[in-house]
């Protein structure tokens, strides 16, 4: 996702950032070696802000953990692209993702998507004051996100069948603890978005990785927001927390 210090970037669109984690028991992976870990989404899924996206992003860390299960021949196929919305994921990632899953050998699909869909509402005065304000058209936007997530999960689950785990990330408030003036508004916006993600995910047996508690009050340590050039993407420590949320949901922590 695009990140910065202006309202439009920090409030809704700077992190590719109710409901929580979903699994009551660990995911049972098939007894196999090798295979593919498929990552979809925007710049958080692509590892923006990580010192080395290949190894210190959440995708890199999850891949490393998966290799303890499937061996060093497991490969990563990342289609994640900075700036992508749910619609762009459908337009530019979904067809290839479905092809990869249908070929077989995909062990896991992870997704971070939805935050960029909300960027247009940062220019709306009512949304800047309070995203839950009835005068803010965010609710209509979230309904559209809901429909697109339903399409994404539907295609992926149909291709993967019931046994391949699909996990989507819920969004923490990366501004929490930074003292930023939009921390409260961001908390509301991400809570509403997470509610949509959770509802659609449940209907498709998609798991939810939930790093929100780890970021509560810790944004100054887990993001680049207080760097000389502020950036709301996670740093390596932040990506480690996100990776641990995925691994916990998969029973691999």
C-alpha atoms as a PDB file:
ATOM      1  CA  UNK A   1       0.000   0.000   0.000  1.00  0.00           C
ATOM      2  CA  UNK A   2       1.028   3.615  -0.424  1.00  0.00           C
ATOM      3  CA  UNK A   3       2.068   5.201   2.840  1.00  0.00           C
ATOM      4  CA  UNK A   4       2.783   8.752   4.060  1.00  0.00           C
ATOM      5  CA  UNK A   5       1.861  11.426   6.561  1.00  0.00           C
ATOM      6  CA  UNK A   6      -1.072  13.081   4.808  1.00  0.00           C
ATOM      7  CA  UNK A   7      -4.588  12.239   5.928  1.00  0.00           C
ATOM      8  CA  UNK A   8      -5.330  10.278   2.777  1.00  0.00           C
ATOM      9  CA  UNK A   9      -2.338   8.050   3.371  1.00  0.00           C
ATOM     10  CA  UNK A  10      -2.339   7.701   7.115  1.00  0.00           C
ATOM     11  CA  UNK A  11      -6.012   7.354   7.885  1.00  0.00           C
ATOM     12  CA  UNK A  12      -7.213   4.703   5.475  1.00  0.00           C
ATOM     13  CA  UNK A  13      -4.629   3.850   2.857  1.00  0.00           C
ATOM     14  CA  UNK A  14      -1.323   3.643   4.641  1.00  0.00           C
ATOM     15  CA  UNK A  15      -1.580   0.119   5.939  1.00  0.00           C
ATOM     16  CA  UNK A  16      -2.839  -2.593   3.792  1.00  0.00           C
ATOM     17  CA  UNK A  17      -4.080  -2.524   7.221  1.00  0.00           C
ATOM     18  CA  UNK A  18     -14.507  -7.117  15.094  1.00  0.00           C
ATOM     19  CA  UNK A  19     -13.595 -10.583  14.911  1.00  0.00           C
ATOM     20  CA  UNK A  20     -10.460 -12.422  15.789  1.00  0.00           C
ATOM     21  CA  UNK A  21      -8.613 -15.589  15.071  1.00  0.00           C
ATOM     22  CA  UNK A  22     -10.733 -18.477  13.982  1.00  0.00           C
ATOM     23  CA  UNK A  23      -9.263 -21.906  14.458  1.00  0.00           C
ATOM     24  CA  UNK A  24     -10.134 -24.002  17.481  1.00  0.00           C
ATOM     25  CA  UNK A  25      -7.516 -26.619  16.599  1.00  0.00           C
ATOM     26  CA  UNK A  26      -4.310 -26.664  14.534  1.00  0.00           C
ATOM     27  CA  UNK A  27      -4.554 -27.022  10.776  1.00  0.00           C
ATOM     28  CA  UNK A  28      -3.717 -30.572   9.733  1.00  0.00           C
ATOM     29  CA  UNK A  29      -1.318 -30.379   6.794  1.00  0.00           C
ATOM     30  CA  UNK A  30      -0.975 -33.402   4.535  1.00  0.00           C
ATOM     31  CA  UNK A  31       2.155 -35.488   4.896  1.00  0.00           C
ATOM     32  CA  UNK A  32       4.145 -34.242   1.914  1.00  0.00           C
ATOM     33  CA  UNK A  33       7.319 -32.497   0.882  1.00  0.00           C
ATOM     34  CA  UNK A  34       7.952 -29.496  -1.307  1.00  0.00           C
ATOM     35  CA  UNK A  35       5.080 -27.589  -2.810  1.00  0.00           C
ATOM     36  CA  UNK A  36       4.194 -23.916  -3.078  1.00  0.00           C
ATOM     37  CA  UNK A  37       3.280 -21.191  -0.603  1.00  0.00           C
ATOM     38  CA  UNK A  38       1.094 -18.659  -2.430  1.00  0.00           C
ATOM     39  CA  UNK A  39       0.951 -15.062  -1.155  1.00  0.00           C
ATOM     40  CA  UNK A  40      -1.592 -12.511  -2.403  1.00  0.00           C
ATOM     41  CA  UNK A  41      -2.340  -8.902  -1.550  1.00  0.00           C
ATOM     42  CA  UNK A  42      -0.850  -5.441  -1.401  1.00  0.00           C
ATOM     43  CA  UNK A  43       2.371  -3.905  -0.114  1.00  0.00           C
ATOM     44  CA  UNK A  44       2.120  -5.400   3.370  1.00  0.00           C
ATOM     45  CA  UNK A  45       1.920  -8.847   1.777  1.00  0.00           C
ATOM     46  CA  UNK A  46       4.778  -7.758  -0.508  1.00  0.00           C
ATOM     47  CA  UNK A  47       6.902  -6.797   2.522  1.00  0.00           C
ATOM     48  CA  UNK A  48       7.217  -3.030   2.094  1.00  0.00           C
ATOM     49  CA  UNK A  49       9.142  -1.676   5.070  1.00  0.00           C
ATOM     50  CA  UNK A  50      11.002  -4.926   5.738  1.00  0.00           C
ATOM     51  CA  UNK A  51      14.791  -4.777   5.640  1.00  0.00           C
ATOM     52  CA  UNK A  52      14.777  -7.776   3.289  1.00  0.00           C
ATOM     53  CA  UNK A  53      11.286  -8.635   1.980  1.00  0.00           C
ATOM     54  CA  UNK A  54      12.421 -12.109   0.937  1.00  0.00           C
ATOM     55  CA  UNK A  55      13.349 -13.091   4.498  1.00  0.00           C
ATOM     56  CA  UNK A  56      12.090 -10.572   7.094  1.00  0.00           C
ATOM     57  CA  UNK A  57       8.590  -9.864   5.764  1.00  0.00           C
ATOM     58  CA  UNK A  58       5.745 -11.925   7.171  1.00  0.00           C
ATOM     59  CA  UNK A  59       5.686 -13.972   3.971  1.00  0.00           C
ATOM     60  CA  UNK A  60       9.387 -14.713   4.289  1.00  0.00           C
ATOM     61  CA  UNK A  61       9.038 -15.692   7.944  1.00  0.00           C
ATOM     62  CA  UNK A  62       5.992 -17.886   7.327  1.00  0.00           C
ATOM     63  CA  UNK A  63       7.801 -19.559   4.423  1.00  0.00           C
ATOM     64  CA  UNK A  64      10.736 -20.329   6.683  1.00  0.00           C
ATOM     65  CA  UNK A  65       8.398 -21.969   9.194  1.00  0.00           C
ATOM     66  CA  UNK A  66       6.660 -23.956   6.456  1.00  0.00           C
ATOM     67  CA  UNK A  67       9.991 -25.356   5.330  1.00  0.00           C
ATOM     68  CA  UNK A  68      10.335 -27.078   8.695  1.00  0.00           C
ATOM     69  CA  UNK A  69       7.169 -28.960   7.697  1.00  0.00           C
ATOM     70  CA  UNK A  70       7.623 -29.453   3.942  1.00  0.00           C
ATOM     71  CA  UNK A  71      11.407 -29.239   3.535  1.00  0.00           C
ATOM     72  CA  UNK A  72      13.710 -26.793   1.799  1.00  0.00           C
ATOM     73  CA  UNK A  73      12.226 -27.459  -1.632  1.00  0.00           C
ATOM     74  CA  UNK A  74       9.044 -25.557  -0.735  1.00  0.00           C
ATOM     75  CA  UNK A  75       8.894 -22.441  -2.906  1.00  0.00           C
ATOM     76  CA  UNK A  76       7.155 -19.082  -2.523  1.00  0.00           C
ATOM     77  CA  UNK A  77       4.971 -17.655  -5.270  1.00  0.00           C
ATOM     78  CA  UNK A  78       4.069 -14.065  -4.367  1.00  0.00           C
ATOM     79  CA  UNK A  79       1.648 -12.109  -6.524  1.00  0.00           C
ATOM     80  CA  UNK A  80       1.334  -9.330  -3.930  1.00  0.00           C
ATOM     81  CA  UNK A  81       1.626  -5.849  -5.409  1.00  0.00           C
ATOM     82  CA  UNK A  82       1.896  -2.474  -3.688  1.00  0.00           C
ATOM     83  CA  UNK A  83      -1.193  -0.323  -4.059  1.00  0.00           C
ATOM     84  CA  UNK A  84      -3.542  -3.143  -4.922  1.00  0.00           C
ATOM     85  CA  UNK A  85      -7.176  -2.996  -3.867  1.00  0.00           C
ATOM     86  CA  UNK A  86      -9.623  -5.880  -3.760  1.00  0.00           C
ATOM     87  CA  UNK A  87     -10.623  -5.019  -7.339  1.00  0.00           C
ATOM     88  CA  UNK A  88      -7.019  -4.977  -8.532  1.00  0.00           C
ATOM     89  CA  UNK A  89      -6.420  -8.315  -6.836  1.00  0.00           C
ATOM     90  CA  UNK A  90      -9.360  -9.699  -8.832  1.00  0.00           C
ATOM     91  CA  UNK A  91      -8.131  -8.098 -12.049  1.00  0.00           C
ATOM     92  CA  UNK A  92      -4.416  -8.830 -11.787  1.00  0.00           C
ATOM     93  CA  UNK A  93      -3.774 -11.610  -9.247  1.00  0.00           C
ATOM     94  CA  UNK A  94      -6.794 -13.883  -8.972  1.00  0.00           C
ATOM     95  CA  UNK A  95      -6.664 -15.672 -12.329  1.00  0.00           C
ATOM     96  CA  UNK A  96      -3.014 -16.618 -11.875  1.00  0.00           C
ATOM     97  CA  UNK A  97      -3.626 -17.597  -8.255  1.00  0.00           C
ATOM     98  CA  UNK A  98      -6.468 -19.942  -9.228  1.00  0.00           C
ATOM     99  CA  UNK A  99      -4.281 -21.481 -11.954  1.00  0.00           C
ATOM    100  CA  UNK A 100      -1.519 -22.183  -9.442  1.00  0.00           C
ATOM    101  CA  UNK A 101      -3.916 -23.733  -6.950  1.00  0.00           C
ATOM    102  CA  UNK A 102      -5.589 -25.891  -9.586  1.00  0.00           C
ATOM    103  CA  UNK A 103      -2.232 -27.307 -10.693  1.00  0.00           C
ATOM    104  CA  UNK A 104      -1.855 -28.788  -7.215  1.00  0.00           C
ATOM    105  CA  UNK A 105       0.892 -28.666  -4.625  1.00  0.00           C
ATOM    106  CA  UNK A 106      -0.098 -25.371  -3.012  1.00  0.00           C
ATOM    107  CA  UNK A 107       0.282 -25.877   0.747  1.00  0.00           C
ATOM    108  CA  UNK A 108      -0.959 -22.494   1.937  1.00  0.00           C
ATOM    109  CA  UNK A 109      -2.527 -19.288   0.622  1.00  0.00           C
ATOM    110  CA  UNK A 110      -2.147 -16.050   2.617  1.00  0.00           C
ATOM    111  CA  UNK A 111      -3.763 -12.706   1.841  1.00  0.00           C
ATOM    112  CA  UNK A 112      -3.531  -9.117   3.053  1.00  0.00           C
ATOM    113  CA  UNK A 113      -6.010  -6.916   1.198  1.00  0.00           C
ATOM    114  CA  UNK A 114      -8.682  -4.268   1.763  1.00  0.00           C
ATOM    115  CA  UNK A 115      -6.981  -1.205   3.187  1.00  0.00           C
ATOM    116  CA  UNK A 116      -6.371   0.515  -0.141  1.00  0.00           C
ATOM    117  CA  UNK A 117     -10.073   0.282  -0.971  1.00  0.00           C
ATOM    118  CA  UNK A 118     -10.746   2.869   1.720  1.00  0.00           C
ATOM    119  CA  UNK A 119      -8.326   5.554   0.562  1.00  0.00           C
ATOM    120  CA  UNK A 120     -10.934   7.633  -1.255  1.00  0.00           C
ATOM    121  CA  UNK A 121     -12.821   8.221   1.998  1.00  0.00           C
ATOM    122  CA  UNK A 122      -9.880  10.060   3.532  1.00  0.00           C
ATOM    123  CA  UNK A 123     -10.820  13.064   1.387  1.00  0.00           C
ATOM    124  CA  UNK A 124     -14.336  13.151   2.828  1.00  0.00           C
ATOM    125  CA  UNK A 125     -14.628  15.583   5.744  1.00  0.00           C
ATOM    126  CA  UNK A 126     -17.119  13.462   7.684  1.00  0.00           C
ATOM    127  CA  UNK A 127     -14.883  10.402   7.367  1.00  0.00           C
ATOM    128  CA  UNK A 128     -11.818  12.314   8.552  1.00  0.00           C
ATOM    129  CA  UNK A 129     -13.712  13.428  11.662  1.00  0.00           C
ATOM    130  CA  UNK A 130     -15.201   9.984  12.355  1.00  0.00           C
ATOM    131  CA  UNK A 131     -15.404   7.046   9.922  1.00  0.00           C
ATOM    132  CA  UNK A 132     -18.503   5.811  11.802  1.00  0.00           C
ATOM    133  CA  UNK A 133     -20.344   9.103  11.175  1.00  0.00           C
ATOM    134  CA  UNK A 134     -23.569   8.450   9.199  1.00  0.00           C
ATOM    135  CA  UNK A 135     -22.524  11.248   6.836  1.00  0.00           C
ATOM    136  CA  UNK A 136     -19.386   9.290   5.911  1.00  0.00           C
ATOM    137  CA  UNK A 137     -20.092   7.041   2.878  1.00  0.00           C
ATOM    138  CA  UNK A 138     -17.720   4.397   4.192  1.00  0.00           C
ATOM    139  CA  UNK A 139     -20.529   1.894   4.765  1.00  0.00           C
ATOM    140  CA  UNK A 140     -21.314   1.785   1.038  1.00  0.00           C
ATOM    141  CA  UNK A 141     -17.643   1.244   0.282  1.00  0.00           C
ATOM    142  CA  UNK A 142     -17.435  -1.603   2.758  1.00  0.00           C
ATOM    143  CA  UNK A 143     -20.402  -3.292   1.121  1.00  0.00           C
ATOM    144  CA  UNK A 144     -18.480  -3.236  -2.158  1.00  0.00           C
ATOM    145  CA  UNK A 145     -15.391  -4.637  -0.419  1.00  0.00           C
ATOM    146  CA  UNK A 146     -17.593  -7.377   1.038  1.00  0.00           C
ATOM    147  CA  UNK A 147     -18.769  -8.382  -2.429  1.00  0.00           C
ATOM    148  CA  UNK A 148     -15.271  -8.453  -3.868  1.00  0.00           C
ATOM    149  CA  UNK A 149     -13.892 -10.470  -0.949  1.00  0.00           C
ATOM    150  CA  UNK A 150     -16.728 -12.942  -1.453  1.00  0.00           C
ATOM    151  CA  UNK A 151     -15.634 -13.324  -5.082  1.00  0.00           C
ATOM    152  CA  UNK A 152     -11.959 -13.720  -4.161  1.00  0.00           C
ATOM    153  CA  UNK A 153     -12.583 -16.303  -1.444  1.00  0.00           C
ATOM    154  CA  UNK A 154     -15.147 -18.124  -3.566  1.00  0.00           C
ATOM    155  CA  UNK A 155     -12.770 -18.667  -6.473  1.00  0.00           C
ATOM    156  CA  UNK A 156      -9.848 -19.631  -4.243  1.00  0.00           C
ATOM    157  CA  UNK A 157     -11.839 -22.056  -2.116  1.00  0.00           C
ATOM    158  CA  UNK A 158     -13.407 -23.700  -5.160  1.00  0.00           C
ATOM    159  CA  UNK A 159      -9.958 -24.228  -6.659  1.00  0.00           C
ATOM    160  CA  UNK A 160      -8.284 -25.319  -3.436  1.00  0.00           C
ATOM    161  CA  UNK A 161     -10.975 -27.580  -2.048  1.00  0.00           C
ATOM    162  CA  UNK A 162     -11.454 -27.942   1.704  1.00  0.00           C
ATOM    163  CA  UNK A 163      -7.956 -29.093   2.638  1.00  0.00           C
ATOM    164  CA  UNK A 164      -5.699 -26.206   1.567  1.00  0.00           C
ATOM    165  CA  UNK A 165      -5.645 -23.537   4.295  1.00  0.00           C
ATOM    166  CA  UNK A 166      -6.400 -19.992   3.184  1.00  0.00           C
ATOM    167  CA  UNK A 167      -5.606 -17.293   5.746  1.00  0.00           C
ATOM    168  CA  UNK A 168      -6.367 -13.577   5.531  1.00  0.00           C
ATOM    169  CA  UNK A 169      -4.829 -10.979   7.828  1.00  0.00           C
ATOM    170  CA  UNK A 170      -6.914  -8.726  10.037  1.00  0.00           C
ATOM    171  CA  UNK A 171      -5.573  -5.189  10.305  1.00  0.00           C
ATOM    172  CA  UNK A 172      -3.973  -3.846  13.478  1.00  0.00           C
ATOM    173  CA  UNK A 173      -3.961  -0.118  14.168  1.00  0.00           C
ATOM    174  CA  UNK A 174      -0.340   0.574  13.277  1.00  0.00           C
ATOM    175  CA  UNK A 175      -0.739   4.126  14.608  1.00  0.00           C
ATOM    176  CA  UNK A 176      -1.530   2.928  18.130  1.00  0.00           C
ATOM    177  CA  UNK A 177       1.061   4.281  20.549  1.00  0.00           C
ATOM    178  CA  UNK A 178       2.625   6.692  18.056  1.00  0.00           C
ATOM    179  CA  UNK A 179       0.757   9.786  19.239  1.00  0.00           C
ATOM    180  CA  UNK A 180      -0.505  10.453  15.722  1.00  0.00           C
ATOM    181  CA  UNK A 181      -3.570  12.673  15.525  1.00  0.00           C
ATOM    182  CA  UNK A 182      -5.521  10.159  13.451  1.00  0.00           C
ATOM    183  CA  UNK A 183      -4.980   7.170  15.752  1.00  0.00           C
ATOM    184  CA  UNK A 184      -8.602   7.172  16.952  1.00  0.00           C
ATOM    185  CA  UNK A 185     -10.084   7.456  13.464  1.00  0.00           C
ATOM    186  CA  UNK A 186      -7.811   4.699  12.191  1.00  0.00           C
ATOM    187  CA  UNK A 187      -8.949   2.452  15.027  1.00  0.00           C
ATOM    188  CA  UNK A 188     -12.572   2.889  13.946  1.00  0.00           C
ATOM    189  CA  UNK A 189     -11.865   2.415  10.242  1.00  0.00           C
ATOM    190  CA  UNK A 190      -9.887  -0.771  10.737  1.00  0.00           C
ATOM    191  CA  UNK A 191     -12.469  -2.161  13.169  1.00  0.00           C
ATOM    192  CA  UNK A 192     -15.165  -1.722  10.525  1.00  0.00           C
ATOM    193  CA  UNK A 193     -12.998  -3.245   7.798  1.00  0.00           C
ATOM    194  CA  UNK A 194     -12.029  -6.175  10.021  1.00  0.00           C
ATOM    195  CA  UNK A 195     -15.685  -6.872  10.668  1.00  0.00           C
ATOM    196  CA  UNK A 196     -16.299  -7.205   6.927  1.00  0.00           C
ATOM    197  CA  UNK A 197     -13.237  -9.396   6.431  1.00  0.00           C
ATOM    198  CA  UNK A 198     -14.242 -11.680   9.298  1.00  0.00           C
ATOM    199  CA  UNK A 199     -17.811 -12.157   8.130  1.00  0.00           C
ATOM    200  CA  UNK A 200     -16.890 -13.058   4.560  1.00  0.00           C
ATOM    201  CA  UNK A 201     -13.962 -15.245   5.636  1.00  0.00           C
ATOM    202  CA  UNK A 202     -16.159 -17.336   7.901  1.00  0.00           C
ATOM    203  CA  UNK A 203     -18.572 -18.075   5.069  1.00  0.00           C
ATOM    204  CA  UNK A 204     -15.740 -19.564   2.992  1.00  0.00           C
ATOM    205  CA  UNK A 205     -13.808 -21.394   5.739  1.00  0.00           C
ATOM    206  CA  UNK A 206     -10.997 -18.868   5.463  1.00  0.00           C
ATOM    207  CA  UNK A 207      -8.884 -18.473   8.590  1.00  0.00           C
ATOM    208  CA  UNK A 208      -7.990 -15.094  10.112  1.00  0.00           C
ATOM    209  CA  UNK A 209      -4.533 -14.105  11.333  1.00  0.00           C
ATOM    210  CA  UNK A 210      -5.020 -11.525  14.080  1.00  0.00           C
ATOM    211  CA  UNK A 211      -1.980  -9.423  15.084  1.00  0.00           C
ATOM    212  CA  UNK A 212      -4.049  -6.567  16.560  1.00  0.00           C
ATOM    213  CA  UNK A 213      -3.223  -7.116  20.209  1.00  0.00           C
ATOM    214  CA  UNK A 214       0.516  -7.208  19.509  1.00  0.00           C
ATOM    215  CA  UNK A 215       0.321  -3.733  17.925  1.00  0.00           C
ATOM    216  CA  UNK A 216      -1.861  -2.145  20.607  1.00  0.00           C
ATOM    217  CA  UNK A 217       0.164   0.787  21.973  1.00  0.00           C
ATOM    218  CA  UNK A 218       3.294  -0.477  20.193  1.00  0.00           C
ATOM    219  CA  UNK A 219       3.190   1.244  16.808  1.00  0.00           C
ATOM    220  CA  UNK A 220       6.251   3.312  17.646  1.00  0.00           C
ATOM    221  CA  UNK A 221       8.291   0.101  17.911  1.00  0.00           C
ATOM    222  CA  UNK A 222       6.659  -1.992  15.185  1.00  0.00           C
ATOM    223  CA  UNK A 223       6.377   0.500  12.299  1.00  0.00           C
ATOM    224  CA  UNK A 224       8.380   3.229  10.597  1.00  0.00           C
ATOM    225  CA  UNK A 225       5.909   5.950  11.623  1.00  0.00           C
ATOM    226  CA  UNK A 226       8.382   7.722  13.904  1.00  0.00           C
ATOM    227  CA  UNK A 227      11.288   7.467  11.455  1.00  0.00           C
ATOM    228  CA  UNK A 228      12.744  10.641   9.977  1.00  0.00           C
ATOM    229  CA  UNK A 229      10.653   9.819   6.908  1.00  0.00           C
ATOM    230  CA  UNK A 230       7.407   8.499   8.436  1.00  0.00           C
ATOM    231  CA  UNK A 231       6.076   5.295   6.930  1.00  0.00           C
ATOM    232  CA  UNK A 232       3.187   3.289   8.352  1.00  0.00           C
ATOM    233  CA  UNK A 233       4.418  -0.018   6.997  1.00  0.00           C
ATOM    234  CA  UNK A 234       5.644  -2.502   9.594  1.00  0.00           C
ATOM    235  CA  UNK A 235       9.332  -2.784  10.310  1.00  0.00           C
ATOM    236  CA  UNK A 236      11.041  -6.145  10.818  1.00  0.00           C
ATOM    237  CA  UNK A 237       9.717  -6.389  14.385  1.00  0.00           C
ATOM    238  CA  UNK A 238       6.203  -5.628  13.141  1.00  0.00           C
ATOM    239  CA  UNK A 239       6.407  -8.225  10.420  1.00  0.00           C
ATOM    240  CA  UNK A 240       7.543 -10.773  12.989  1.00  0.00           C
ATOM    241  CA  UNK A 241       4.374 -10.108  14.996  1.00  0.00           C
ATOM    242  CA  UNK A 242       2.227 -10.499  11.880  1.00  0.00           C
ATOM    243  CA  UNK A 243       4.009 -13.728  10.952  1.00  0.00           C
ATOM    244  CA  UNK A 244       3.440 -15.090  14.442  1.00  0.00           C
ATOM    245  CA  UNK A 245      -0.288 -14.348  14.077  1.00  0.00           C
ATOM    246  CA  UNK A 246      -0.395 -16.414  10.880  1.00  0.00           C
ATOM    247  CA  UNK A 247       1.608 -19.245  12.416  1.00  0.00           C
ATOM    248  CA  UNK A 248      -0.595 -19.289  15.519  1.00  0.00           C
ATOM    249  CA  UNK A 249      -3.702 -19.543  13.369  1.00  0.00           C
ATOM    250  CA  UNK A 250      -2.090 -22.437  11.467  1.00  0.00           C
ATOM    251  CA  UNK A 251      -0.964 -24.213  14.638  1.00  0.00           C
ATOM    252  CA  UNK A 252       2.688 -23.798  13.643  1.00  0.00           C
ATOM    253  CA  UNK A 253       3.778 -21.386  16.382  1.00  0.00           C
END
